[in-house]
């Protein structure tokens, strides 16, 4: 009888050990693979942009920049309030003016505005010095350019030179996105002694509209001797040729002490003759809201502006015709002349 030999069972006895080795070895191999070749990060698929309007961007940006630069150069040449308020470089304006005829005082009027960037603030903090700041707000909506009402002036002993009634010093905090929006807040004091506090906030926004540019500005202020007020201004601008800019400006000013809106509509053509000479043709309607909505004056004027020396000395002559309600809208001529120093730190 054949003897039965016991069958070898070593493969089965080694199976647990083999399984354990495979189990331990497999994660190590995965770990080594991760170290040598990490998986690519997951990227969120991007939706392709539509290029339907891409062809419009270049002409839109070109036109917007062209109108903005043209208007800025015009405002700087004429020393306008827009340049003073929103100029990024420091601005200094000093002038002596004299008027003759309707609405003038036939004296020499002195005025000054200084807007200085403080160092290491990137233009966000400024120092302001200006004469009769409340008058700049009031006359901006009620008188033609170049006129200088006498009610807030002090006549010096020679009876020919009219000095400002007050001098204001303020600190301005400003923020802006170039050629799009601008925002500033002023806090300051008016002299002489005792000083009187005042605060102002102004914001503006501009955007192209086809061949036009729309600019809206809003100012809110409080003066110790004047009370609260606000001014809203809306400008529409268009370049008519290489040397002519058209601007329609609508202005409304509310003063709490008057309980009244002072209203003004200007239609202006700025004509650059050469690098020294420019003309402004302007027609204006000026009115009030109380005791009823009515026009108080129509004005037609021509402003001749000539650069006498470099970029900072200017002469201006402004003949004008007023048609005031108080004179039954009869033509009342006036002439204003002005010598002005205007310069900034870009020159």
Protein backbone atom coordinates (compact mmCIF):
# COMPACT_ATOMS: atom_id res chain seq x y z
CA UNK A 1 0.00 0.00 0.00
CA UNK A 2 1.40 3.15 -0.98
CA UNK A 3 2.23 5.40 1.81
CA UNK A 4 0.61 8.80 1.78
CA UNK A 5 2.98 11.63 2.18
CA UNK A 6 1.76 14.85 3.73
CA UNK A 7 1.14 17.56 1.09
CA UNK A 8 3.12 20.73 1.37
CA UNK A 9 1.09 23.62 2.64
CA UNK A 10 3.80 26.36 2.56
CA UNK A 11 2.20 28.42 -0.18
CA UNK A 12 -0.84 28.74 1.95
CA UNK A 13 1.17 29.39 5.05
CA UNK A 14 3.00 32.22 3.25
CA UNK A 15 -0.11 33.77 1.86
CA UNK A 16 -0.82 36.01 4.85
CA UNK A 17 2.78 37.24 4.80
CA UNK A 18 2.64 37.79 1.07
CA UNK A 19 -0.60 39.68 1.34
CA UNK A 20 0.80 41.81 4.14
CA UNK A 21 3.90 42.66 2.06
CA UNK A 22 1.84 43.60 -0.94
CA UNK A 23 -0.43 45.71 1.22
CA UNK A 24 2.50 47.56 2.77
CA UNK A 25 4.45 47.89 -0.45
CA UNK A 26 1.63 49.23 -2.62
CA UNK A 27 1.04 52.48 -0.67
CA UNK A 28 4.79 53.11 -0.55
CA UNK A 29 4.95 52.84 -4.32
CA UNK A 30 2.05 55.25 -4.63
CA UNK A 31 3.73 57.64 -2.24
CA UNK A 32 6.94 57.51 -4.25
CA UNK A 33 5.00 58.15 -7.43
CA UNK A 34 3.31 61.15 -5.87
CA UNK A 35 6.66 62.61 -4.88
CA UNK A 36 8.25 62.13 -8.27
CA UNK A 37 5.32 63.07 -10.43
CA UNK A 38 2.58 65.07 -8.63
CA UNK A 39 -0.79 65.23 -10.36
CA UNK A 40 -1.64 68.38 -12.25
CA UNK A 41 -3.86 70.80 -10.31
CA UNK A 42 -7.48 71.02 -11.33
CA UNK A 43 -8.16 74.01 -13.52
CA UNK A 44 -11.64 75.48 -13.72
CA UNK A 45 -12.54 75.74 -17.38
CA UNK A 46 -12.80 79.34 -18.55
CA UNK A 47 -15.69 80.61 -20.60
CA UNK A 48 -14.43 82.18 -23.79
CA UNK A 49 -15.01 85.93 -23.96
CA UNK A 50 -17.21 87.24 -26.69
CA UNK A 51 -15.27 89.44 -29.11
CA UNK A 52 -18.46 90.89 -30.53
CA UNK A 53 -17.73 94.39 -29.15
CA UNK A 54 -13.92 94.25 -29.09
CA UNK A 55 -13.70 96.26 -32.30
CA UNK A 56 -15.46 99.15 -30.54
CA UNK A 57 -12.94 99.44 -27.68
CA UNK A 58 -10.11 101.14 -29.58
CA UNK A 59 -12.21 103.94 -31.16
CA UNK A 60 -14.15 104.39 -27.89
CA UNK A 61 -10.96 104.76 -25.83
CA UNK A 62 -9.38 107.02 -28.44
CA UNK A 63 -12.41 109.32 -28.59
CA UNK A 64 -12.76 109.43 -24.81
CA UNK A 65 -9.09 110.30 -24.32
CA UNK A 66 -9.20 112.86 -27.15
CA UNK A 67 -12.20 114.72 -25.72
CA UNK A 68 -10.82 114.57 -22.18
CA UNK A 69 -7.38 115.87 -23.17
CA UNK A 70 -8.86 118.61 -25.37
CA UNK A 71 -11.22 119.78 -22.60
CA UNK A 72 -8.48 119.62 -19.94
CA UNK A 73 -6.12 121.70 -22.06
CA UNK A 74 -8.86 124.26 -22.71
CA UNK A 75 -9.72 124.51 -19.00
CA UNK A 76 -6.09 124.93 -18.08
CA UNK A 77 -5.52 127.63 -20.71
CA UNK A 78 -8.55 129.60 -19.52
CA UNK A 79 -7.72 129.00 -15.84
CA UNK A 80 -11.18 127.56 -15.26
CA UNK A 81 -12.51 126.27 -11.99
CA UNK A 82 -12.51 122.72 -13.37
CA UNK A 83 -8.73 122.88 -13.71
CA UNK A 84 -8.34 124.26 -10.20
CA UNK A 85 -10.63 121.66 -8.61
CA UNK A 86 -9.45 118.50 -10.34
CA UNK A 87 -5.88 119.12 -11.46
CA UNK A 88 -3.51 116.42 -10.28
CA UNK A 89 -0.41 118.70 -10.25
CA UNK A 90 -0.22 121.69 -7.94
CA UNK A 91 -2.06 124.74 -9.28
CA UNK A 92 -1.60 128.43 -8.48
CA UNK A 93 -3.91 131.15 -9.79
CA UNK A 94 -3.52 134.83 -8.98
CA UNK A 95 -5.30 137.63 -10.82
CA UNK A 96 -6.15 141.30 -10.89
CA UNK A 97 -9.32 142.24 -12.79
CA UNK A 98 -11.23 145.39 -13.62
CA UNK A 99 -14.74 145.80 -14.92
CA UNK A 100 -16.65 148.63 -16.51
CA UNK A 101 -20.35 148.75 -17.33
CA UNK A 102 -23.33 146.75 -16.12
CA UNK A 103 -22.73 144.59 -13.02
CA UNK A 104 -19.19 145.81 -12.37
CA UNK A 105 -17.65 147.95 -9.63
CA UNK A 106 -15.09 149.81 -11.80
CA UNK A 107 -12.30 148.90 -9.38
CA UNK A 108 -9.33 146.54 -9.55
CA UNK A 109 -10.24 143.25 -7.86
CA UNK A 110 -7.58 140.95 -6.41
CA UNK A 111 -8.09 137.18 -6.17
CA UNK A 112 -5.97 134.08 -5.60
CA UNK A 113 -6.29 130.29 -5.46
CA UNK A 114 -3.56 127.85 -4.47
CA UNK A 115 -3.94 124.07 -4.60
CA UNK A 116 -0.73 122.32 -3.47
CA UNK A 117 0.00 118.59 -3.38
CA UNK A 118 1.57 117.63 -0.06
CA UNK A 119 4.69 115.45 -0.42
CA UNK A 120 4.60 111.67 0.12
CA UNK A 121 0.79 111.55 -0.17
CA UNK A 122 0.53 110.71 -3.92
CA UNK A 123 -1.83 113.63 -4.38
CA UNK A 124 -4.38 112.33 -1.86
CA UNK A 125 -3.69 115.14 0.61
CA UNK A 126 -3.56 118.80 -0.44
CA UNK A 127 -3.24 122.26 1.05
CA UNK A 128 -5.65 124.92 -0.26
CA UNK A 129 -5.44 128.68 0.04
CA UNK A 130 -8.08 130.85 -1.63
CA UNK A 131 -9.79 134.20 -1.34
CA UNK A 132 -13.54 134.49 -0.69
CA UNK A 133 -14.34 130.77 -1.05
CA UNK A 134 -18.09 131.26 -0.55
CA UNK A 135 -18.13 133.84 -3.36
CA UNK A 136 -16.56 131.33 -5.72
CA UNK A 137 -19.58 129.10 -5.13
CA UNK A 138 -22.22 131.83 -5.43
CA UNK A 139 -20.80 133.63 -8.47
CA UNK A 140 -20.20 130.35 -10.25
CA UNK A 141 -23.94 130.07 -10.77
CA UNK A 142 -25.08 133.68 -11.02
CA UNK A 143 -22.55 135.75 -12.98
CA UNK A 144 -20.73 135.53 -16.28
CA UNK A 145 -17.03 134.61 -16.41
CA UNK A 146 -14.78 137.56 -15.76
CA UNK A 147 -17.25 139.50 -13.62
CA UNK A 148 -16.36 140.25 -10.03
CA UNK A 149 -19.25 141.41 -7.84
CA UNK A 150 -18.33 143.97 -5.22
CA UNK A 151 -20.63 142.99 -2.36
CA UNK A 152 -18.00 140.83 -0.65
CA UNK A 153 -15.02 143.08 -1.33
CA UNK A 154 -13.17 145.60 0.81
CA UNK A 155 -12.10 148.80 -0.95
CA UNK A 156 -8.60 149.89 0.02
CA UNK A 157 -7.86 153.58 0.88
CA UNK A 158 -6.97 154.53 -2.69
CA UNK A 159 -10.54 153.58 -3.72
CA UNK A 160 -9.19 151.81 -6.79
CA UNK A 161 -8.05 148.40 -5.57
CA UNK A 162 -10.59 146.02 -4.05
CA UNK A 163 -9.11 143.46 -1.68
CA UNK A 164 -10.73 140.12 -0.86
CA UNK A 165 -12.95 140.12 2.18
CA UNK A 166 -11.64 136.81 3.50
CA UNK A 167 -8.81 134.35 3.12
CA UNK A 168 -9.41 130.62 3.57
CA UNK A 169 -6.93 127.86 4.43
CA UNK A 170 -8.05 124.24 4.14
CA UNK A 171 -6.82 120.67 3.94
CA UNK A 172 -8.22 118.52 1.13
CA UNK A 173 -8.45 114.72 1.02
CA UNK A 174 -8.86 113.58 -2.60
CA UNK A 175 -9.28 110.31 -4.48
CA UNK A 176 -9.63 109.81 -8.22
CA UNK A 177 -9.58 107.48 -11.18
CA UNK A 178 -8.07 109.50 -14.00
CA UNK A 179 -10.61 110.76 -16.55
CA UNK A 180 -13.45 108.83 -14.89
CA UNK A 181 -14.33 110.06 -11.40
CA UNK A 182 -13.02 112.48 -8.79
CA UNK A 183 -13.92 112.97 -5.12
CA UNK A 184 -12.58 115.44 -2.54
CA UNK A 185 -13.45 116.73 0.91
CA UNK A 186 -12.17 120.04 2.31
CA UNK A 187 -12.09 121.23 5.91
CA UNK A 188 -10.73 124.67 6.70
CA UNK A 189 -10.90 128.06 8.35
CA UNK A 190 -11.77 131.51 7.02
CA UNK A 191 -9.91 134.57 8.24
CA UNK A 192 -9.74 137.33 9.57
CA UNK A 193 -9.88 136.66 13.30
CA UNK A 194 -11.94 135.08 14.74
CA UNK A 195 -11.60 132.28 12.17
CA UNK A 196 -14.79 130.68 10.90
CA UNK A 197 -14.91 126.98 9.96
CA UNK A 198 -16.21 125.55 6.69
CA UNK A 199 -16.44 122.14 5.03
CA UNK A 200 -16.97 121.12 1.39
CA UNK A 201 -17.36 117.85 -0.49
CA UNK A 202 -17.31 117.55 -4.27
CA UNK A 203 -17.60 114.56 -6.55
CA UNK A 204 -17.64 114.24 -10.33
CA UNK A 205 -18.04 111.47 -12.88
CA UNK A 206 -17.51 111.49 -16.65
CA UNK A 207 -18.26 108.98 -19.39
CA UNK A 208 -18.20 109.01 -23.21
CA UNK A 209 -21.51 108.89 -25.06
CA UNK A 210 -20.71 108.29 -28.71
CA UNK A 211 -19.10 111.49 -30.01
CA UNK A 212 -19.97 113.27 -26.76
CA UNK A 213 -18.68 113.25 -23.20
CA UNK A 214 -21.04 113.58 -20.25
CA UNK A 215 -19.72 114.96 -16.98
CA UNK A 216 -21.78 115.32 -13.80
CA UNK A 217 -20.56 117.06 -10.63
CA UNK A 218 -22.15 117.51 -7.22
CA UNK A 219 -20.93 119.77 -4.39
CA UNK A 220 -22.25 119.96 -0.82
CA UNK A 221 -20.90 122.58 1.58
CA UNK A 222 -21.40 124.47 4.81
CA UNK A 223 -19.97 127.90 5.67
CA UNK A 224 -20.28 129.49 9.09
CA UNK A 225 -21.46 132.81 7.65
CA UNK A 226 -23.53 131.31 4.82
CA UNK A 227 -25.06 128.09 6.08
CA UNK A 228 -25.58 124.92 4.07
CA UNK A 229 -25.83 124.66 0.31
CA UNK A 230 -25.33 122.43 -2.69
CA UNK A 231 -24.47 122.80 -6.36
CA UNK A 232 -25.28 120.39 -9.19
CA UNK A 233 -23.61 120.74 -12.58
CA UNK A 234 -24.07 118.75 -15.79
CA UNK A 235 -21.77 119.20 -18.80
CA UNK A 236 -22.04 117.82 -22.33
CA UNK A 237 -18.94 118.21 -24.52
CA UNK A 238 -18.10 117.48 -28.12
CA UNK A 239 -15.12 118.22 -30.35
CA UNK A 240 -16.38 119.97 -33.50
CA UNK A 241 -12.99 120.29 -35.21
CA UNK A 242 -9.29 120.17 -34.43
CA UNK A 243 -9.56 123.61 -32.82
CA UNK A 244 -13.16 123.92 -31.54
CA UNK A 245 -14.82 122.37 -28.49
CA UNK A 246 -18.53 122.75 -27.74
CA UNK A 247 -19.75 122.57 -24.11
CA UNK A 248 -23.26 122.78 -22.72
CA UNK A 249 -23.21 123.43 -18.97
CA UNK A 250 -26.28 123.32 -16.72
CA UNK A 251 -25.87 124.57 -13.15
CA UNK A 252 -28.21 124.75 -10.14
CA UNK A 253 -27.16 126.11 -6.72
CA UNK A 254 -29.24 125.92 -3.56
CA UNK A 255 -28.44 128.14 -0.57
CA UNK A 256 -30.30 127.59 2.67
CA UNK A 257 -30.13 131.28 3.63
CA UNK A 258 -31.89 132.24 0.39
CA UNK A 259 -34.27 129.26 0.19
CA UNK A 260 -33.84 129.49 -3.53
CA UNK A 261 -32.23 127.81 -6.52
CA UNK A 262 -29.90 129.96 -8.62
CA UNK A 263 -30.05 128.50 -12.12
CA UNK A 264 -27.74 128.91 -15.09
CA UNK A 265 -27.45 127.47 -18.59
CA UNK A 266 -24.30 128.10 -20.68
CA UNK A 267 -23.70 127.23 -24.33
CA UNK A 268 -19.99 127.68 -25.04
CA UNK A 269 -17.65 127.33 -28.01
CA UNK A 270 -13.91 127.24 -27.21
CA UNK A 271 -11.85 128.15 -30.26
CA UNK A 272 -8.07 127.71 -30.18
CA UNK A 273 -6.42 130.01 -32.73
CA UNK A 274 -2.81 129.08 -31.99
CA UNK A 275 -0.60 128.11 -29.05
CA UNK A 276 -0.92 131.64 -27.60
CA UNK A 277 -4.48 132.70 -28.34
CA UNK A 278 -7.95 131.27 -27.74
CA UNK A 279 -11.50 132.60 -27.92
CA UNK A 280 -14.62 131.71 -25.96
CA UNK A 281 -18.05 132.44 -27.43
CA UNK A 282 -20.77 132.00 -24.83
CA UNK A 283 -24.51 132.55 -24.50
CA UNK A 284 -26.10 132.19 -21.04
CA UNK A 285 -29.50 132.27 -19.40
CA UNK A 286 -29.54 133.00 -15.65
CA UNK A 287 -32.57 132.57 -13.42
CA UNK A 288 -34.03 131.81 -10.00
CA UNK A 289 -36.69 129.43 -8.70
CA UNK A 290 -38.34 131.79 -6.16
CA UNK A 291 -40.65 133.63 -5.81
CA UNK A 292 -41.32 131.93 -9.16
CA UNK A 293 -39.25 130.24 -11.82
CA UNK A 294 -38.01 133.06 -14.06
CA UNK A 295 -35.03 134.29 -16.07
CA UNK A 296 -33.28 137.26 -14.48
CA UNK A 297 -30.59 137.86 -17.11
CA UNK A 298 -29.44 136.79 -20.57
CA UNK A 299 -25.74 137.18 -21.35
CA UNK A 300 -23.78 137.04 -24.60
CA UNK A 301 -20.00 137.36 -24.34
CA UNK A 302 -16.72 136.94 -26.14
CA UNK A 303 -13.63 136.10 -24.10
CA UNK A 304 -10.25 136.80 -25.70
CA UNK A 305 -7.43 134.99 -23.89
CA UNK A 306 -3.79 135.62 -24.76
CA UNK A 307 -0.71 133.96 -23.27
CA UNK A 308 1.75 136.78 -22.64
CA UNK A 309 4.71 134.79 -21.32
CA UNK A 310 5.54 131.09 -21.27
CA UNK A 311 2.83 128.99 -19.56
CA UNK A 312 1.87 131.23 -16.67
CA UNK A 313 1.12 134.86 -17.61
CA UNK A 314 -2.19 135.57 -19.36
CA UNK A 315 -4.22 138.56 -20.46
CA UNK A 316 -7.98 138.35 -20.89
CA UNK A 317 -10.56 140.77 -22.30
CA UNK A 318 -14.28 139.95 -22.03
CA UNK A 319 -16.76 142.24 -23.77
CA UNK A 320 -20.33 141.20 -22.99
CA UNK A 321 -23.97 142.17 -23.37
CA UNK A 322 -26.44 141.67 -20.52
CA UNK A 323 -30.20 141.68 -20.94
CA UNK A 324 -31.40 141.93 -17.31
CA UNK A 325 -35.01 141.67 -16.21
CA UNK A 326 -34.52 144.70 -13.94
CA UNK A 327 -33.96 146.77 -17.08
CA UNK A 328 -36.81 145.18 -19.02
CA UNK A 329 -34.24 143.05 -20.90
CA UNK A 330 -32.67 146.07 -22.57
CA UNK A 331 -29.09 145.57 -23.74
CA UNK A 332 -26.58 146.58 -21.05
CA UNK A 333 -22.91 146.36 -22.16
CA UNK A 334 -19.98 145.56 -19.91
CA UNK A 335 -16.27 144.97 -20.32
CA UNK A 336 -13.95 143.03 -18.04
CA UNK A 337 -10.18 142.81 -18.36
CA UNK A 338 -7.93 140.58 -16.32
CA UNK A 339 -4.25 139.86 -15.86
CA UNK A 340 -3.67 136.38 -14.48
CA UNK A 341 -0.77 134.27 -13.30
CA UNK A 342 -1.47 130.58 -13.74
CA UNK A 343 1.12 127.84 -13.34
CA UNK A 344 1.47 124.30 -12.06
CA UNK A 345 4.33 121.89 -11.40
CA UNK A 346 4.07 120.24 -14.82
CA UNK A 347 5.91 123.18 -16.41
